[in-house]
Amino acid sequence: MPVDMRTYLGHVELANPITTAAGCAASGAELAQFFDLGRLGAVTTRSITMAPRAGRPTPRMAETPSGLLSAVGLQGPGVDAFLARELPWLAQRNVRTVVSIGGGTVAEYTALARRLTDAPGVTAVEVNLSCPNIEDRGRVFALDGAASAEVVASVRSVMRYDVPVVAKLSPDALDVVAVARACVDGGADALSMINNPLGMSVDTDAMRPALAAVTGGLSGPAIRPLAVRCVWQVHAALPGVPIIGMGGVLTGRDAFEFVLAGACVVAVGTALFHDPYAGLRVVRELEEILAARGFHRLADAVGLAHRPPGATTRHRTDFEESPL
């Protein structure tokens, strides 16, 4: 029997749990030349800012063992161009669209949310909290629970009631659970984790940093254990809050690991750079894994690894009880 792959982000139903990670598919058009984007659960846009941004100087990407360092700097056309061209393009194709937003002040996040609240085609808003707060000496919002909650509350206060607000968390926070709890208290309908941890690489031939910005965000398989740990901890503390898990997902088995840890949605990011079909492949592989283990619904596997040792799960058609 086919597996029911439907899942929910807040009250919004997605046909399957796989989405793109912010910044890894721009705003969708690049991937659309390979397949129908509607076959994914959702597409997450790059982080949209109020004004156009050219991004950071090159080199701004560097390969590392099992990972990628990047310091792009939220390059993009700004919210006006996004609303005029990119979002309508996605809406015309009935693509479920999670719009990522980034700002340097609480007021900027609020202004972005206000521009999006009546825009057709917005499935959810993901608040990229890994941006420096220019009103607090450049301290990243995501590192402070109170600052994160203030941003989330401001976005939630102006965002249309039926559009979920998703807070994207950083593993660089000293206590990711405390920040997650603060965001939920501030009005977040769901949580997204993890954003890229900060890393650095030195070019030993040039004898200088590999990135022009010196440091950058690390992505790829190298960070998956860190991401799974964060998802596990937050799901254990806040079991009723939907989680988008991400970080080094290359296969359906990787996605299944996130699901078992507590994620109901899984984002594919860096893998898309070398395999544009990675999202579709992960959906198929995840469904095959679920079916092979006797699951009829994806929802039955979410957070299952948190069950007590020795517990069994009844999910087979023959009612055989078997530990997974």
C-alpha atoms as a PDB file:
ATOM      1  CA  MET A   1       0.000   0.000   0.000  1.00  0.00           C
ATOM      2  CA  PRO A   2       1.244   3.529  -0.699  1.00  0.00           C
ATOM      3  CA  VAL A   3       2.415   5.620   2.236  1.00  0.00           C
ATOM      4  CA  ASP A   4       0.445   8.745   3.116  1.00  0.00           C
ATOM      5  CA  MET A   5       3.235  11.309   2.871  1.00  0.00           C
ATOM      6  CA  ARG A   6       1.121  14.320   3.849  1.00  0.00           C
ATOM      7  CA  THR A   7       2.332  16.529   6.668  1.00  0.00           C
ATOM      8  CA  TYR A   8       1.428  19.846   8.263  1.00  0.00           C
ATOM      9  CA  LEU A   9       3.305  23.080   8.805  1.00  0.00           C
ATOM     10  CA  GLY A  10       1.089  24.698  11.391  1.00  0.00           C
ATOM     11  CA  HIS A  11      -2.368  24.270   9.902  1.00  0.00           C
ATOM     12  CA  VAL A  12      -1.085  24.196   6.298  1.00  0.00           C
ATOM     13  CA  GLU A  13      -1.098  20.781   4.640  1.00  0.00           C
ATOM     14  CA  LEU A  14       1.847  19.790   2.444  1.00  0.00           C
ATOM     15  CA  ALA A  15       1.609  16.877   0.009  1.00  0.00           C
ATOM     16  CA  ASN A  16       4.958  15.521   1.195  1.00  0.00           C
ATOM     17  CA  PRO A  17       7.575  16.594   3.748  1.00  0.00           C
ATOM     18  CA  ILE A  18      10.422  17.630   1.433  1.00  0.00           C
ATOM     19  CA  THR A  19      11.187  21.279   0.767  1.00  0.00           C
ATOM     20  CA  THR A  20      14.216  23.183  -0.435  1.00  0.00           C
ATOM     21  CA  ALA A  21      16.411  24.997   2.062  1.00  0.00           C
ATOM     22  CA  ALA A  22      16.566  28.792   1.869  1.00  0.00           C
ATOM     23  CA  GLY A  23      19.264  30.066  -0.450  1.00  0.00           C
ATOM     24  CA  CYS A  24      19.819  26.748  -2.227  1.00  0.00           C
ATOM     25  CA  ALA A  25      17.253  27.121  -4.998  1.00  0.00           C
ATOM     26  CA  ALA A  26      17.129  30.928  -5.290  1.00  0.00           C
ATOM     27  CA  SER A  27      13.407  31.505  -5.827  1.00  0.00           C
ATOM     28  CA  GLY A  28      12.661  28.343  -7.755  1.00  0.00           C
ATOM     29  CA  ALA A  29      13.081  29.209 -11.424  1.00  0.00           C
ATOM     30  CA  GLU A  30      16.489  27.534 -11.624  1.00  0.00           C
ATOM     31  CA  LEU A  31      15.084  24.198 -10.426  1.00  0.00           C
ATOM     32  CA  ALA A  32      11.924  24.472 -12.537  1.00  0.00           C
ATOM     33  CA  GLN A  33      13.876  23.691 -15.709  1.00  0.00           C
ATOM     34  CA  PHE A  34      14.403  20.167 -14.352  1.00  0.00           C
ATOM     35  CA  PHE A  35      10.990  19.220 -12.922  1.00  0.00           C
ATOM     36  CA  ASP A  36       7.607  20.497 -11.788  1.00  0.00           C
ATOM     37  CA  LEU A  37       8.231  22.278  -8.471  1.00  0.00           C
ATOM     38  CA  GLY A  38       4.737  21.310  -7.348  1.00  0.00           C
ATOM     39  CA  ARG A  39       6.035  17.779  -6.808  1.00  0.00           C
ATOM     40  CA  LEU A  40       7.920  18.994  -3.729  1.00  0.00           C
ATOM     41  CA  GLY A  41       6.147  19.642  -0.465  1.00  0.00           C
ATOM     42  CA  ALA A  42       7.198  23.295  -0.737  1.00  0.00           C
ATOM     43  CA  VAL A  43       9.900  25.584  -2.071  1.00  0.00           C
ATOM     44  CA  THR A  44      11.678  27.913   0.344  1.00  0.00           C
ATOM     45  CA  THR A  45      13.010  31.095  -1.241  1.00  0.00           C
ATOM     46  CA  ARG A  46      16.336  32.749  -0.540  1.00  0.00           C
ATOM     47  CA  SER A  47      16.107  35.261   2.300  1.00  0.00           C
ATOM     48  CA  ILE A  48      14.319  38.359   0.999  1.00  0.00           C
ATOM     49  CA  THR A  49      15.490  41.759   2.251  1.00  0.00           C
ATOM     50  CA  MET A  50      13.904  45.198   2.007  1.00  0.00           C
ATOM     51  CA  ALA A  51      16.500  46.652  -0.350  1.00  0.00           C
ATOM     52  CA  PRO A  52      18.459  44.938  -3.155  1.00  0.00           C
ATOM     53  CA  ARG A  53      21.749  43.444  -1.996  1.00  0.00           C
ATOM     54  CA  ALA A  54      24.782  42.625  -4.108  1.00  0.00           C
ATOM     55  CA  GLY A  55      26.126  40.200  -1.530  1.00  0.00           C
ATOM     56  CA  ARG A  56      29.641  39.804  -0.240  1.00  0.00           C
ATOM     57  CA  PRO A  57      32.815  39.922  -2.355  1.00  0.00           C
ATOM     58  CA  THR A  58      34.259  36.776  -3.916  1.00  0.00           C
ATOM     59  CA  PRO A  59      35.499  34.214  -3.205  1.00  0.00           C
ATOM     60  CA  ARG A  60      32.414  33.445  -1.170  1.00  0.00           C
ATOM     61  CA  MET A  61      32.235  29.658  -1.409  1.00  0.00           C
ATOM     62  CA  ALA A  62      34.807  27.033  -0.485  1.00  0.00           C
ATOM     63  CA  GLU A  63      34.530  23.259  -0.406  1.00  0.00           C
ATOM     64  CA  THR A  64      35.491  21.468   2.788  1.00  0.00           C
ATOM     65  CA  PRO A  65      35.545  17.749   3.677  1.00  0.00           C
ATOM     66  CA  SER A  66      31.894  16.629   3.519  1.00  0.00           C
ATOM     67  CA  GLY A  67      30.705  20.217   3.419  1.00  0.00           C
ATOM     68  CA  LEU A  68      30.595  23.659   1.887  1.00  0.00           C
ATOM     69  CA  LEU A  69      31.491  27.027   3.385  1.00  0.00           C
ATOM     70  CA  SER A  70      29.543  29.988   2.019  1.00  0.00           C
ATOM     71  CA  ALA A  71      29.386  33.697   2.729  1.00  0.00           C
ATOM     72  CA  VAL A  72      26.998  35.004   0.084  1.00  0.00           C
ATOM     73  CA  GLY A  73      25.550  37.811   2.183  1.00  0.00           C
ATOM     74  CA  LEU A  74      21.821  37.507   1.384  1.00  0.00           C
ATOM     75  CA  GLN A  75      22.273  38.541  -2.252  1.00  0.00           C
ATOM     76  CA  GLY A  76      18.928  39.360  -3.833  1.00  0.00           C
ATOM     77  CA  PRO A  77      16.775  41.868  -5.705  1.00  0.00           C
ATOM     78  CA  GLY A  78      14.881  43.204  -2.684  1.00  0.00           C
ATOM     79  CA  VAL A  79      11.258  42.805  -1.705  1.00  0.00           C
ATOM     80  CA  ASP A  80       9.814  45.041  -4.442  1.00  0.00           C
ATOM     81  CA  ALA A  81      11.298  42.951  -7.250  1.00  0.00           C
ATOM     82  CA  PHE A  82      10.409  39.733  -5.411  1.00  0.00           C
ATOM     83  CA  LEU A  83       6.755  40.743  -5.148  1.00  0.00           C
ATOM     84  CA  ALA A  84       6.650  42.005  -8.726  1.00  0.00           C
ATOM     85  CA  ARG A  85       8.299  39.027 -10.452  1.00  0.00           C
ATOM     86  CA  GLU A  86       9.398  36.038  -8.394  1.00  0.00           C
ATOM     87  CA  LEU A  87       6.421  35.406  -6.112  1.00  0.00           C
ATOM     88  CA  PRO A  88       3.824  35.772  -8.929  1.00  0.00           C
ATOM     89  CA  TRP A  89       5.876  33.322 -11.021  1.00  0.00           C
ATOM     90  CA  LEU A  90       5.658  30.743  -8.225  1.00  0.00           C
ATOM     91  CA  ALA A  91       1.979  31.466  -7.541  1.00  0.00           C
ATOM     92  CA  GLN A  92       1.058  30.954 -11.205  1.00  0.00           C
ATOM     93  CA  ARG A  93       2.537  27.459 -10.985  1.00  0.00           C
ATOM     94  CA  ASN A  94       0.710  26.638  -7.740  1.00  0.00           C
ATOM     95  CA  VAL A  95       3.978  26.080  -5.902  1.00  0.00           C
ATOM     96  CA  ARG A  96       3.652  26.038  -2.124  1.00  0.00           C
ATOM     97  CA  THR A  97       6.064  28.796  -1.223  1.00  0.00           C
ATOM     98  CA  VAL A  98       7.795  29.446   2.094  1.00  0.00           C
ATOM     99  CA  VAL A  99       9.213  32.964   1.934  1.00  0.00           C
ATOM    100  CA  SER A 100      12.395  33.458   3.942  1.00  0.00           C
ATOM    101  CA  ILE A 101      12.986  36.985   5.238  1.00  0.00           C
ATOM    102  CA  GLY A 102      16.059  38.648   6.732  1.00  0.00           C
ATOM    103  CA  GLY A 103      16.608  42.035   8.334  1.00  0.00           C
ATOM    104  CA  GLY A 104      18.977  44.107  10.412  1.00  0.00           C
ATOM    105  CA  THR A 105      16.389  45.509  12.828  1.00  0.00           C
ATOM    106  CA  VAL A 106      13.077  44.436  14.303  1.00  0.00           C
ATOM    107  CA  ALA A 107      11.427  47.231  12.325  1.00  0.00           C
ATOM    108  CA  GLU A 108      12.875  45.867   9.078  1.00  0.00           C
ATOM    109  CA  TYR A 109      11.505  42.367   9.728  1.00  0.00           C
ATOM    110  CA  THR A 110       8.145  43.926  10.550  1.00  0.00           C
ATOM    111  CA  ALA A 111       8.128  45.955   7.352  1.00  0.00           C
ATOM    112  CA  LEU A 112       8.935  42.854   5.291  1.00  0.00           C
ATOM    113  CA  ALA A 113       6.140  40.887   6.928  1.00  0.00           C
ATOM    114  CA  ARG A 114       3.704  43.735   6.321  1.00  0.00           C
ATOM    115  CA  ARG A 115       4.594  43.708   2.600  1.00  0.00           C
ATOM    116  CA  LEU A 116       3.995  39.950   2.431  1.00  0.00           C
ATOM    117  CA  THR A 117       0.823  39.699   4.479  1.00  0.00           C
ATOM    118  CA  ASP A 118      -1.569  40.347   1.594  1.00  0.00           C
ATOM    119  CA  ALA A 119       0.615  38.940  -1.179  1.00  0.00           C
ATOM    120  CA  PRO A 120      -1.002  35.962  -2.939  1.00  0.00           C
ATOM    121  CA  GLY A 121       1.000  32.754  -3.003  1.00  0.00           C
ATOM    122  CA  VAL A 122       2.684  32.924   0.412  1.00  0.00           C
ATOM    123  CA  THR A 123       2.314  29.537   2.114  1.00  0.00           C
ATOM    124  CA  ALA A 124       4.434  30.415   5.161  1.00  0.00           C
ATOM    125  CA  VAL A 125       7.082  32.915   6.248  1.00  0.00           C
ATOM    126  CA  GLU A 126      10.423  31.686   7.541  1.00  0.00           C
ATOM    127  CA  VAL A 127      12.170  34.238   9.747  1.00  0.00           C
ATOM    128  CA  ASN A 128      15.928  33.999   9.206  1.00  0.00           C
ATOM    129  CA  LEU A 129      17.198  34.946  12.657  1.00  0.00           C
ATOM    130  CA  SER A 130      20.864  34.473  11.757  1.00  0.00           C
ATOM    131  CA  CYS A 131      21.185  38.119  10.771  1.00  0.00           C
ATOM    132  CA  PRO A 132      23.196  40.703  12.717  1.00  0.00           C
ATOM    133  CA  ASN A 133      21.171  43.118  14.805  1.00  0.00           C
ATOM    134  CA  ILE A 134      22.612  46.509  13.901  1.00  0.00           C
ATOM    135  CA  GLU A 135      20.950  48.000  16.991  1.00  0.00           C
ATOM    136  CA  ASP A 136      22.860  45.605  19.264  1.00  0.00           C
ATOM    137  CA  ARG A 137      26.456  45.921  18.011  1.00  0.00           C
ATOM    138  CA  GLY A 138      25.832  43.399  15.274  1.00  0.00           C
ATOM    139  CA  ARG A 139      24.971  40.536  17.641  1.00  0.00           C
ATOM    140  CA  VAL A 140      23.095  37.858  15.698  1.00  0.00           C
ATOM    141  CA  PHE A 141      19.405  37.695  16.651  1.00  0.00           C
ATOM    142  CA  ALA A 142      19.405  33.886  16.793  1.00  0.00           C
ATOM    143  CA  LEU A 143      21.939  33.822  19.624  1.00  0.00           C
ATOM    144  CA  ASP A 144      19.585  35.574  22.036  1.00  0.00           C
ATOM    145  CA  GLY A 145      16.171  34.270  23.012  1.00  0.00           C
ATOM    146  CA  ALA A 146      14.718  37.652  23.880  1.00  0.00           C
ATOM    147  CA  ALA A 147      15.903  39.251  20.630  1.00  0.00           C
ATOM    148  CA  SER A 148      14.609  36.301  18.598  1.00  0.00           C
ATOM    149  CA  ALA A 149      11.245  36.414  20.340  1.00  0.00           C
ATOM    150  CA  GLU A 150      10.941  40.147  19.692  1.00  0.00           C
ATOM    151  CA  VAL A 151      11.465  39.616  15.961  1.00  0.00           C
ATOM    152  CA  VAL A 152       9.031  36.692  15.818  1.00  0.00           C
ATOM    153  CA  ALA A 153       6.369  38.584  17.778  1.00  0.00           C
ATOM    154  CA  SER A 154       6.695  41.586  15.480  1.00  0.00           C
ATOM    155  CA  VAL A 155       6.328  39.426  12.363  1.00  0.00           C
ATOM    156  CA  ARG A 156       3.408  37.473  13.824  1.00  0.00           C
ATOM    157  CA  SER A 157       1.615  40.689  14.797  1.00  0.00           C
ATOM    158  CA  VAL A 158       1.387  41.907  11.193  1.00  0.00           C
ATOM    159  CA  MET A 159       1.337  38.622   9.263  1.00  0.00           C
ATOM    160  CA  ARG A 160      -2.012  37.317   8.071  1.00  0.00           C
ATOM    161  CA  TYR A 161      -3.464  34.887  10.618  1.00  0.00           C
ATOM    162  CA  ASP A 162      -3.601  31.951   8.189  1.00  0.00           C
ATOM    163  CA  VAL A 163       0.084  32.185   7.193  1.00  0.00           C
ATOM    164  CA  PRO A 164       2.351  30.225   9.565  1.00  0.00           C
ATOM    165  CA  VAL A 165       5.404  32.031  10.931  1.00  0.00           C
ATOM    166  CA  VAL A 166       8.473  29.781  11.146  1.00  0.00           C
ATOM    167  CA  ALA A 167      11.496  30.769  13.242  1.00  0.00           C
ATOM    168  CA  LYS A 168      14.827  29.541  11.835  1.00  0.00           C
ATOM    169  CA  LEU A 169      17.297  28.731  14.600  1.00  0.00           C
ATOM    170  CA  SER A 170      21.086  28.636  14.787  1.00  0.00           C
ATOM    171  CA  PRO A 171      23.137  25.835  16.362  1.00  0.00           C
ATOM    172  CA  ASP A 172      25.628  28.498  17.464  1.00  0.00           C
ATOM    173  CA  ALA A 173      23.243  29.523  20.271  1.00  0.00           C
ATOM    174  CA  LEU A 174      24.448  28.417  23.704  1.00  0.00           C
ATOM    175  CA  ASP A 175      21.014  26.929  24.442  1.00  0.00           C
ATOM    176  CA  VAL A 176      19.009  26.240  21.292  1.00  0.00           C
ATOM    177  CA  VAL A 177      16.079  24.899  23.325  1.00  0.00           C
ATOM    178  CA  ALA A 178      15.801  28.162  25.268  1.00  0.00           C
ATOM    179  CA  VAL A 179      15.798  30.174  22.033  1.00  0.00           C
ATOM    180  CA  ALA A 180      13.220  27.797  20.523  1.00  0.00           C
ATOM    181  CA  ARG A 181      10.965  28.165  23.543  1.00  0.00           C
ATOM    182  CA  ALA A 182      11.269  31.961  23.416  1.00  0.00           C
ATOM    183  CA  CYS A 183      10.316  31.969  19.720  1.00  0.00           C
ATOM    184  CA  VAL A 184       7.246  29.812  20.359  1.00  0.00           C
ATOM    185  CA  ASP A 185       6.253  32.066  23.248  1.00  0.00           C
ATOM    186  CA  GLY A 186       6.670  34.985  20.831  1.00  0.00           C
ATOM    187  CA  GLY A 187       4.164  33.472  18.415  1.00  0.00           C
ATOM    188  CA  ALA A 188       6.124  31.119  16.135  1.00  0.00           C
ATOM    189  CA  ASP A 189       3.860  28.464  14.615  1.00  0.00           C
ATOM    190  CA  ALA A 190       6.815  26.234  13.693  1.00  0.00           C
ATOM    191  CA  LEU A 191      10.596  26.054  13.985  1.00  0.00           C
ATOM    192  CA  SER A 192      13.259  25.505  11.335  1.00  0.00           C
ATOM    193  CA  MET A 193      16.688  24.130  12.191  1.00  0.00           C
ATOM    194  CA  ILE A 194      19.470  24.368  11.679  1.00  0.00           C
ATOM    195  CA  ASN A 195      20.856  27.402   9.989  1.00  0.00           C
ATOM    196  CA  ASN A 196      24.518  27.040   9.011  1.00  0.00           C
ATOM    197  CA  PRO A 197      27.003  26.988  11.896  1.00  0.00           C
ATOM    198  CA  LEU A 198      29.892  29.408  11.505  1.00  0.00           C
ATOM    199  CA  GLY A 199      33.098  27.964  10.092  1.00  0.00           C
ATOM    200  CA  MET A 200      36.355  28.927   8.434  1.00  0.00           C
ATOM    201  CA  SER A 201      38.896  27.475   6.027  1.00  0.00           C
ATOM    202  CA  VAL A 202      42.442  28.616   5.234  1.00  0.00           C
ATOM    203  CA  ASP A 203      43.794  28.214   1.706  1.00  0.00           C
ATOM    204  CA  THR A 204      47.200  26.668   2.391  1.00  0.00           C
ATOM    205  CA  ASP A 205      48.491  27.542  -1.100  1.00  0.00           C
ATOM    206  CA  ALA A 206      47.573  31.224  -0.891  1.00  0.00           C
ATOM    207  CA  MET A 207      48.206  31.163   2.875  1.00  0.00           C
ATOM    208  CA  ARG A 208      45.126  33.238   3.583  1.00  0.00           C
ATOM    209  CA  PRO A 209      41.432  32.650   4.403  1.00  0.00           C
ATOM    210  CA  ALA A 210      39.599  30.780   1.649  1.00  0.00           C
ATOM    211  CA  LEU A 211      36.641  33.190   1.872  1.00  0.00           C
ATOM    212  CA  ALA A 212      36.864  36.926   1.315  1.00  0.00           C
ATOM    213  CA  ALA A 213      34.649  37.386   4.387  1.00  0.00           C
ATOM    214  CA  VAL A 214      37.019  35.093   6.360  1.00  0.00           C
ATOM    215  CA  THR A 215      34.186  33.121   7.989  1.00  0.00           C
ATOM    216  CA  GLY A 216      31.048  31.603   6.491  1.00  0.00           C
ATOM    217  CA  GLY A 217      28.209  29.189   7.079  1.00  0.00           C
ATOM    218  CA  LEU A 218      29.037  25.490   6.954  1.00  0.00           C
ATOM    219  CA  SER A 219      26.564  23.187   5.202  1.00  0.00           C
ATOM    220  CA  GLY A 220      26.553  19.641   3.860  1.00  0.00           C
ATOM    221  CA  PRO A 221      26.827  16.173   5.451  1.00  0.00           C
ATOM    222  CA  ALA A 222      29.440  17.369   7.948  1.00  0.00           C
ATOM    223  CA  ILE A 223      26.768  19.208   9.960  1.00  0.00           C
ATOM    224  CA  ARG A 224      24.038  16.546   9.942  1.00  0.00           C
ATOM    225  CA  PRO A 225      24.820  15.119  13.414  1.00  0.00           C
ATOM    226  CA  LEU A 226      24.741  18.650  14.821  1.00  0.00           C
ATOM    227  CA  ALA A 227      21.397  19.316  13.135  1.00  0.00           C
ATOM    228  CA  VAL A 228      19.860  16.042  14.299  1.00  0.00           C
ATOM    229  CA  ARG A 229      20.954  16.825  17.857  1.00  0.00           C
ATOM    230  CA  CYS A 230      19.207  20.208  17.749  1.00  0.00           C
ATOM    231  CA  VAL A 231      16.008  18.724  16.300  1.00  0.00           C
ATOM    232  CA  TRP A 232      16.053  15.973  18.928  1.00  0.00           C
ATOM    233  CA  GLN A 233      16.506  18.386  21.837  1.00  0.00           C
ATOM    234  CA  VAL A 234      13.857  20.840  20.678  1.00  0.00           C
ATOM    235  CA  HIS A 235      11.300  18.126  19.872  1.00  0.00           C
ATOM    236  CA  ALA A 236      11.861  16.597  23.320  1.00  0.00           C
ATOM    237  CA  ALA A 237      11.247  19.972  24.974  1.00  0.00           C
ATOM    238  CA  LEU A 238       8.428  21.140  22.662  1.00  0.00           C
ATOM    239  CA  PRO A 239       6.832  17.978  21.233  1.00  0.00           C
ATOM    240  CA  GLY A 240       3.757  19.741  19.872  1.00  0.00           C
ATOM    241  CA  VAL A 241       5.657  22.263  17.739  1.00  0.00           C
ATOM    242  CA  PRO A 242       6.207  21.418  14.038  1.00  0.00           C
ATOM    243  CA  ILE A 243       9.887  21.303  13.081  1.00  0.00           C
ATOM    244  CA  ILE A 244      11.543  21.670   9.680  1.00  0.00           C
ATOM    245  CA  GLY A 245      14.786  19.703   9.951  1.00  0.00           C
ATOM    246  CA  MET A 246      17.757  20.404   7.719  1.00  0.00           C
ATOM    247  CA  GLY A 247      21.489  20.022   7.501  1.00  0.00           C
ATOM    248  CA  GLY A 248      23.350  17.670   5.195  1.00  0.00           C
ATOM    249  CA  VAL A 249      20.385  15.751   3.772  1.00  0.00           C
ATOM    250  CA  LEU A 250      21.560  13.748   0.762  1.00  0.00           C
ATOM    251  CA  THR A 251      19.340  10.662   0.866  1.00  0.00           C
ATOM    252  CA  GLY A 252      15.967   9.407   2.010  1.00  0.00           C
ATOM    253  CA  ARG A 253      17.712   7.688   4.912  1.00  0.00           C
ATOM    254  CA  ASP A 254      19.076  11.073   6.029  1.00  0.00           C
ATOM    255  CA  ALA A 255      15.558  12.509   5.888  1.00  0.00           C
ATOM    256  CA  PHE A 256      14.222   9.512   7.838  1.00  0.00           C
ATOM    257  CA  GLU A 257      16.774  10.226  10.569  1.00  0.00           C
ATOM    258  CA  PHE A 258      15.421  13.760  10.935  1.00  0.00           C
ATOM    259  CA  VAL A 259      11.836  12.471  10.985  1.00  0.00           C
ATOM    260  CA  LEU A 260      12.618   9.969  13.728  1.00  0.00           C
ATOM    261  CA  ALA A 261      14.302  12.760  15.717  1.00  0.00           C
ATOM    262  CA  GLY A 262      11.155  14.887  15.522  1.00  0.00           C
ATOM    263  CA  ALA A 263      10.984  16.770  12.208  1.00  0.00           C
ATOM    264  CA  CYS A 264       7.713  16.658  10.262  1.00  0.00           C
ATOM    265  CA  VAL A 265       9.249  18.524   7.290  1.00  0.00           C
ATOM    266  CA  VAL A 266      12.791  18.042   5.940  1.00  0.00           C
ATOM    267  CA  ALA A 267      14.690  20.518   3.769  1.00  0.00           C
ATOM    268  CA  VAL A 268      17.244  19.607   1.114  1.00  0.00           C
ATOM    269  CA  GLY A 269      19.898  22.245   0.515  1.00  0.00           C
ATOM    270  CA  THR A 270      23.520  21.799  -0.523  1.00  0.00           C
ATOM    271  CA  ALA A 271      22.738  18.535  -2.342  1.00  0.00           C
ATOM    272  CA  LEU A 272      20.844  20.572  -4.954  1.00  0.00           C
ATOM    273  CA  PHE A 273      24.084  22.194  -6.116  1.00  0.00           C
ATOM    274  CA  HIS A 274      25.309  18.932  -7.640  1.00  0.00           C
ATOM    275  CA  ASP A 275      21.987  17.132  -8.098  1.00  0.00           C
ATOM    276  CA  PRO A 276      18.984  19.323  -8.944  1.00  0.00           C
ATOM    277  CA  TYR A 277      16.748  16.248  -8.658  1.00  0.00           C
ATOM    278  CA  ALA A 278      17.867  15.576  -5.080  1.00  0.00           C
ATOM    279  CA  GLY A 279      14.576  16.750  -3.552  1.00  0.00           C
ATOM    280  CA  LEU A 280      12.466  14.406  -5.676  1.00  0.00           C
ATOM    281  CA  ARG A 281      14.860  11.528  -5.085  1.00  0.00           C
ATOM    282  CA  VAL A 282      14.744  12.058  -1.317  1.00  0.00           C
ATOM    283  CA  VAL A 283      10.912  12.028  -1.392  1.00  0.00           C
ATOM    284  CA  ARG A 284      10.940   8.715  -3.251  1.00  0.00           C
ATOM    285  CA  GLU A 285      13.618   7.132  -1.069  1.00  0.00           C
ATOM    286  CA  LEU A 286      11.914   8.262   2.132  1.00  0.00           C
ATOM    287  CA  GLU A 287       8.601   6.781   1.003  1.00  0.00           C
ATOM    288  CA  GLU A 288      10.344   3.492   0.147  1.00  0.00           C
ATOM    289  CA  ILE A 289      11.984   3.361   3.587  1.00  0.00           C
ATOM    290  CA  LEU A 290       8.682   4.037   5.342  1.00  0.00           C
ATOM    291  CA  ALA A 291       6.896   1.380   3.297  1.00  0.00           C
ATOM    292  CA  ALA A 292       9.653  -1.173   3.947  1.00  0.00           C
ATOM    293  CA  ARG A 293       9.209  -0.640   7.686  1.00  0.00           C
ATOM    294  CA  GLY A 294       5.462  -1.067   7.532  1.00  0.00           C
ATOM    295  CA  PHE A 295       4.386   2.546   7.960  1.00  0.00           C
ATOM    296  CA  HIS A 296       1.175   3.673   6.291  1.00  0.00           C
ATOM    297  CA  ARG A 297       1.609   7.333   7.252  1.00  0.00           C
ATOM    298  CA  LEU A 298       4.634   9.589   7.523  1.00  0.00           C
ATOM    299  CA  ALA A 299       3.042  11.131  10.625  1.00  0.00           C
ATOM    300  CA  ASP A 300       3.431   7.852  12.516  1.00  0.00           C
ATOM    301  CA  ALA A 301       7.222   8.054  12.232  1.00  0.00           C
ATOM    302  CA  VAL A 302       7.664  11.647  13.417  1.00  0.00           C
ATOM    303  CA  GLY A 303       9.594  11.654  16.697  1.00  0.00           C
ATOM    304  CA  LEU A 304       9.426   7.876  16.991  1.00  0.00           C
ATOM    305  CA  ALA A 305      13.034   7.610  18.177  1.00  0.00           C
ATOM    306  CA  HIS A 306      11.947   9.331  21.402  1.00  0.00           C
ATOM    307  CA  ARG A 307       9.930   6.306  22.484  1.00  0.00           C
ATOM    308  CA  PRO A 308      11.199   4.585  25.663  1.00  0.00           C
ATOM    309  CA  PRO A 309      13.739   1.773  25.211  1.00  0.00           C
ATOM    310  CA  GLY A 310      12.001  -1.512  24.530  1.00  0.00           C
ATOM    311  CA  ALA A 311       8.721   0.106  23.484  1.00  0.00           C
ATOM    312  CA  THR A 312       6.987  -1.357  20.456  1.00  0.00           C
ATOM    313  CA  THR A 313       4.942   0.283  17.737  1.00  0.00           C
ATOM    314  CA  ARG A 314       1.827  -1.165  16.081  1.00  0.00           C
ATOM    315  CA  HIS A 315       1.680   0.020  12.495  1.00  0.00           C
ATOM    316  CA  ARG A 316       1.528  -3.066  10.263  1.00  0.00           C
ATOM    317  CA  THR A 317      -1.504  -4.331   8.404  1.00  0.00           C
ATOM    318  CA  ASP A 318      -1.218  -7.710  10.123  1.00  0.00           C
ATOM    319  CA  PHE A 319      -1.122  -5.955  13.529  1.00  0.00           C
ATOM    320  CA  GLU A 320       2.258  -7.477  14.243  1.00  0.00           C
ATOM    321  CA  GLU A 321       3.993  -5.545  16.976  1.00  0.00           C
ATOM    322  CA  SER A 322       7.618  -5.034  16.099  1.00  0.00           C
ATOM    323  CA  PRO A 323      10.290  -2.627  17.250  1.00  0.00           C
ATOM    324  CA  LEU A 324      11.695  -0.576  14.381  1.00  0.00           C
END
